[in-house]
Every structure is written in C-alpha cells, then in structure tokens.
Amino acid sequence: LRTAAPRNENVEFIGQIGGACQAVAVEGQHAFIGLGPRVLVLDVSNHASPLVVGRTDVLSGIVDDMVVLGDYAYVVDGEGLHVVSVVDVKNPREAGFYNSSCWATGVAVQDGHAYVADGCGLSIIDVSDPARPSQIGRHDTPGYALGVAVVGRLVYLADEDSGLRILNVVDPAHPFEVGFVDTNGEAQAVSL
C-alpha cells in the first residue's frame, strides 16, 4: 500500500460565522455579545429590533466573559485579556492584549485594574494604558478560578471545588486571602 506524500498548501482564513454565546455586557444603547471568537455590537435602542452595528476581528479564543466601561471592552477568552476600543462601535478594535499563564475565564474591572480569574487563581492587570496591559499582582488559589467580582478593595473568586475565595486587594501588587466559603459544590460564577 502506497500513500501519497502530504502536499504543502496555503490555507487562507476567509471568515467566521456564529459560535457559542457566553458573555453579554450592556453600555448605554449598545449590547456587546461574545459570539464565538468575536465581540458583536448591537444597537438596542429599539428593543423590539436590535441591530448589529459592529464586530471585532476574530480573537484568539471563544469569548468567556467581558466588561464594558467607557471606551473599552475588557474581554477574556482563555488565552488572556483583550482590551478592545469601542469608541467607534461600528469598528471595535483590539487596543492591547495580556497573555494569561492560565486559562482566563472571568473578568471584573475597577480603578484601572482588570481582575482576571484564570484557572490558577487571580491575576491583577494594570489597564491604565490600554495598549500595554501588564500584570502587577497574582494570587494562586487551591481550586480552579472561574468567576470574579470586585467591590471596593475586596475581590470575590468562584474557585470551583474550593468554594468562594475572598481576597483583599488594597495593595494590588500583593493580594491576600481574607476568607472563604465552602459552597458544598462547584462555585462557577459570582455576582455582587
């Protein structure tokens, strides 16, 4: 039996349609929807007939979570944190990217910092310069961090089998755990 040698062919990516919808954020009259590896922007001023007005290029993975604040959408997709400029909602564009060392699944943003649940724990990313997001703090957790919320100087992490972890981030470079709750099951998301 003879097999043909593999041929070297150039394959060109020409498009992407659809995908899983795991993240939604609303800012003003616009809804931002993670659809597969893209963010779609919808004008929802007419609630009965939302209209797609813009979309990002394909990101590096499936959009897991996002927060929209002002001119930026903060998007996690497993690979890391994408900072997307939404100044022009018809043409949202990636302004910066932080490559996560673990699987980024959740994001919360406050005071120029993105708090990223990334499987291994919490990464604190300085996003004051959207073009150059950089990690300034880290706290590993015993479980698998999936979801995150921040209120004041406390971060709440849904840490799967290890329950809800509560971290003090008064000094974002040195977060530390101040408490936890055994959820008697998998903690997958948190909202405050």
Protein backbone atom coordinates (compact mmCIF):
# COMPACT_ATOMS: atom_id res chain seq x y z
CA LEU A 1 0.00 0.00 0.00
CA ARG A 2 1.43 3.36 -1.02
CA THR A 3 0.28 6.65 0.36
CA ALA A 4 0.72 9.98 -1.26
CA ALA A 5 3.10 12.40 0.39
CA PRO A 6 1.32 15.32 2.07
CA ARG A 7 1.08 18.42 -0.11
CA ASN A 8 2.05 21.79 1.18
CA GLU A 9 -0.91 24.06 0.61
CA ASN A 10 -1.56 27.57 1.69
CA VAL A 11 -4.84 27.94 3.51
CA GLU A 12 -6.38 31.37 3.80
CA PHE A 13 -8.84 32.25 6.57
CA ILE A 14 -11.78 33.96 4.90
CA GLY A 15 -14.36 34.29 7.64
CA GLN A 16 -16.25 33.05 10.66
CA ILE A 17 -19.95 32.92 11.41
CA GLY A 18 -21.62 32.16 14.74
CA GLY A 19 -20.40 30.34 17.79
CA ALA A 20 -21.13 29.94 21.48
CA CYS A 21 -22.60 32.96 23.27
CA GLN A 22 -21.17 33.03 26.80
CA ALA A 23 -20.84 36.75 27.56
CA VAL A 24 -23.09 39.81 27.34
CA ALA A 25 -22.50 43.37 28.56
CA VAL A 26 -24.66 46.46 28.09
CA GLU A 27 -23.42 50.04 27.98
CA GLY A 28 -25.91 52.77 27.12
CA GLN A 29 -27.84 51.89 23.97
CA HIS A 30 -25.40 49.13 22.96
CA ALA A 31 -25.21 45.45 23.87
CA PHE A 32 -21.87 43.70 23.45
CA ILE A 33 -22.17 39.98 22.83
CA GLY A 34 -19.38 37.42 22.84
CA LEU A 35 -20.28 35.23 19.89
CA GLY A 36 -17.69 32.52 19.41
CA PRO A 37 -14.30 34.22 19.00
CA ARG A 38 -15.74 37.71 18.31
CA VAL A 39 -17.50 40.55 20.07
CA LEU A 40 -20.62 41.77 18.27
CA VAL A 41 -22.01 45.24 19.00
CA LEU A 42 -25.77 45.66 18.79
CA ASP A 43 -27.76 48.87 18.86
CA VAL A 44 -30.58 48.05 21.28
CA SER A 45 -32.24 51.48 21.32
CA ASN A 46 -35.22 49.79 19.64
CA HIS A 47 -35.69 46.82 21.99
CA ALA A 48 -38.03 45.09 19.57
CA SER A 49 -35.47 45.11 16.78
CA PRO A 50 -31.80 45.05 17.88
CA LEU A 51 -29.41 45.78 15.06
CA VAL A 52 -25.82 44.54 14.63
CA VAL A 53 -23.70 47.64 14.08
CA GLY A 54 -20.16 46.32 14.54
CA ARG A 55 -17.92 43.36 15.29
CA THR A 56 -14.33 42.72 16.24
CA ASP A 57 -11.92 40.71 14.19
CA VAL A 58 -11.60 37.09 15.30
CA LEU A 59 -9.92 36.91 18.72
CA SER A 60 -7.62 34.12 19.88
CA GLY A 61 -10.35 32.04 21.52
CA ILE A 62 -14.03 31.79 22.47
CA VAL A 63 -15.18 34.85 24.45
CA ASP A 64 -15.83 33.66 28.02
CA ASP A 65 -16.57 36.92 29.82
CA MET A 66 -16.46 40.68 29.28
CA VAL A 67 -16.96 44.02 30.96
CA VAL A 68 -17.57 47.28 29.09
CA LEU A 69 -16.53 50.52 30.79
CA GLY A 70 -16.46 53.78 28.88
CA ASP A 71 -14.38 53.50 25.73
CA TYR A 72 -13.18 49.92 26.29
CA ALA A 73 -14.42 46.36 26.47
CA TYR A 74 -12.32 44.03 28.61
CA VAL A 75 -12.66 40.55 27.14
CA VAL A 76 -11.28 37.20 28.33
CA ASP A 77 -11.14 34.22 26.01
CA GLY A 78 -8.99 31.57 27.65
CA GLU A 79 -5.81 32.87 26.07
CA GLY A 80 -5.84 36.11 28.05
CA LEU A 81 -7.29 39.60 28.36
CA HIS A 82 -8.14 41.62 25.25
CA VAL A 83 -8.63 45.36 25.71
CA VAL A 84 -10.94 46.40 22.87
CA SER A 85 -11.57 50.03 21.94
CA VAL A 86 -15.29 50.63 21.44
CA VAL A 87 -15.02 54.38 20.80
CA ASP A 88 -16.30 53.61 17.30
CA VAL A 89 -18.93 50.93 17.91
CA LYS A 90 -19.12 50.26 14.17
CA ASN A 91 -15.44 49.34 14.15
CA PRO A 92 -14.35 47.91 17.55
CA ARG A 93 -10.61 47.18 17.51
CA GLU A 94 -8.21 45.46 19.87
CA ALA A 95 -6.07 48.09 21.60
CA GLY A 96 -4.00 45.74 23.76
CA PHE A 97 -3.62 42.15 24.91
CA TYR A 98 -2.30 40.40 28.01
CA ASN A 99 -1.40 36.73 27.54
CA SER A 100 -2.52 34.75 30.58
CA SER A 101 -0.35 31.99 32.01
CA CYS A 102 -3.51 30.02 32.85
CA TRP A 103 -6.97 29.73 31.23
CA ALA A 104 -8.66 33.17 31.59
CA THR A 105 -12.39 32.72 32.22
CA GLY A 106 -13.69 35.71 34.18
CA VAL A 107 -13.02 39.46 34.40
CA ALA A 108 -14.00 42.41 36.58
CA VAL A 109 -12.64 45.94 36.19
CA GLN A 110 -12.23 48.74 38.72
CA ASP A 111 -9.93 51.76 39.12
CA GLY A 112 -7.64 50.99 36.18
CA HIS A 113 -7.20 47.33 37.11
CA ALA A 114 -8.64 44.23 35.49
CA TYR A 115 -9.14 41.33 37.88
CA VAL A 116 -8.89 38.12 35.86
CA ALA A 117 -9.98 34.69 37.10
CA ASP A 118 -7.63 32.46 35.19
CA GLY A 119 -7.95 28.90 36.38
CA CYS A 120 -4.87 29.07 38.61
CA GLY A 121 -6.22 31.97 40.66
CA LEU A 122 -6.36 35.73 40.28
CA SER A 123 -4.23 37.92 38.01
CA ILE A 124 -4.38 41.66 38.56
CA ILE A 125 -3.69 43.54 35.33
CA ASP A 126 -2.93 47.25 35.12
CA VAL A 127 -5.05 48.55 32.23
CA SER A 128 -4.40 52.26 32.75
CA ASP A 129 -2.55 52.15 29.42
CA PRO A 130 -4.94 50.07 27.27
CA ALA A 131 -2.24 49.42 24.66
CA ARG A 132 0.06 47.84 27.25
CA PRO A 133 -1.86 45.84 29.85
CA SER A 134 0.57 44.31 32.35
CA GLN A 135 0.28 42.04 35.35
CA ILE A 136 1.01 43.77 38.64
CA GLY A 137 -0.29 41.18 41.10
CA ARG A 138 -1.12 37.50 41.42
CA HIS A 139 -2.73 35.14 43.92
CA ASP A 140 -2.95 31.41 43.30
CA THR A 141 -5.95 29.57 44.72
CA PRO A 142 -6.42 25.90 45.70
CA GLY A 143 -9.20 25.31 43.15
CA TYR A 144 -9.90 26.39 39.59
CA ALA A 145 -10.87 30.08 39.48
CA LEU A 146 -13.76 30.61 37.07
CA GLY A 147 -15.61 33.78 38.02
CA VAL A 148 -14.70 37.08 39.67
CA ALA A 149 -16.36 40.17 41.13
CA VAL A 150 -14.81 43.21 42.81
CA VAL A 151 -16.34 45.64 45.31
CA GLY A 152 -14.12 48.28 46.85
CA ARG A 153 -10.93 46.56 47.90
CA LEU A 154 -12.34 43.03 48.06
CA VAL A 155 -12.29 40.52 45.23
CA TYR A 156 -14.60 37.51 45.25
CA LEU A 157 -13.47 34.44 43.28
CA ALA A 158 -15.63 31.47 42.33
CA ASP A 159 -12.98 28.76 42.78
CA GLU A 160 -14.88 25.67 41.62
CA ASP A 161 -14.43 22.83 44.20
CA SER A 162 -12.70 25.23 46.61
CA GLY A 163 -15.76 27.44 47.02
CA LEU A 164 -15.84 31.21 47.18
CA ARG A 165 -12.48 32.87 47.96
CA ILE A 166 -12.38 36.44 49.28
CA LEU A 167 -9.21 38.47 48.66
CA ASN A 168 -8.02 41.84 49.92
CA VAL A 169 -6.55 43.95 47.10
CA VAL A 170 -5.79 47.18 48.97
CA ASP A 171 -2.29 46.74 47.52
CA PRO A 172 -2.98 45.26 44.05
CA ALA A 173 0.63 44.05 43.81
CA HIS A 174 0.14 41.88 46.92
CA PRO A 175 -3.38 40.43 47.13
CA PHE A 176 -4.08 38.11 50.05
CA GLU A 177 -6.95 35.89 51.13
CA VAL A 178 -9.11 37.13 53.99
CA GLY A 179 -11.80 34.45 53.94
CA PHE A 180 -13.61 31.72 52.07
CA VAL A 181 -16.95 29.96 51.98
CA ASP A 182 -17.32 26.23 51.35
CA THR A 183 -20.13 26.14 48.77
CA ASN A 184 -20.69 22.36 49.07
CA GLY A 185 -20.38 22.06 45.31
CA GLU A 186 -18.75 23.81 42.42
CA ALA A 187 -18.59 27.61 42.60
CA GLN A 188 -18.61 28.67 38.96
CA ALA A 189 -19.75 32.29 38.99
CA VAL A 190 -20.11 35.22 41.35
CA SER A 191 -22.08 38.45 41.04
CA LEU A 192 -22.49 41.25 43.58
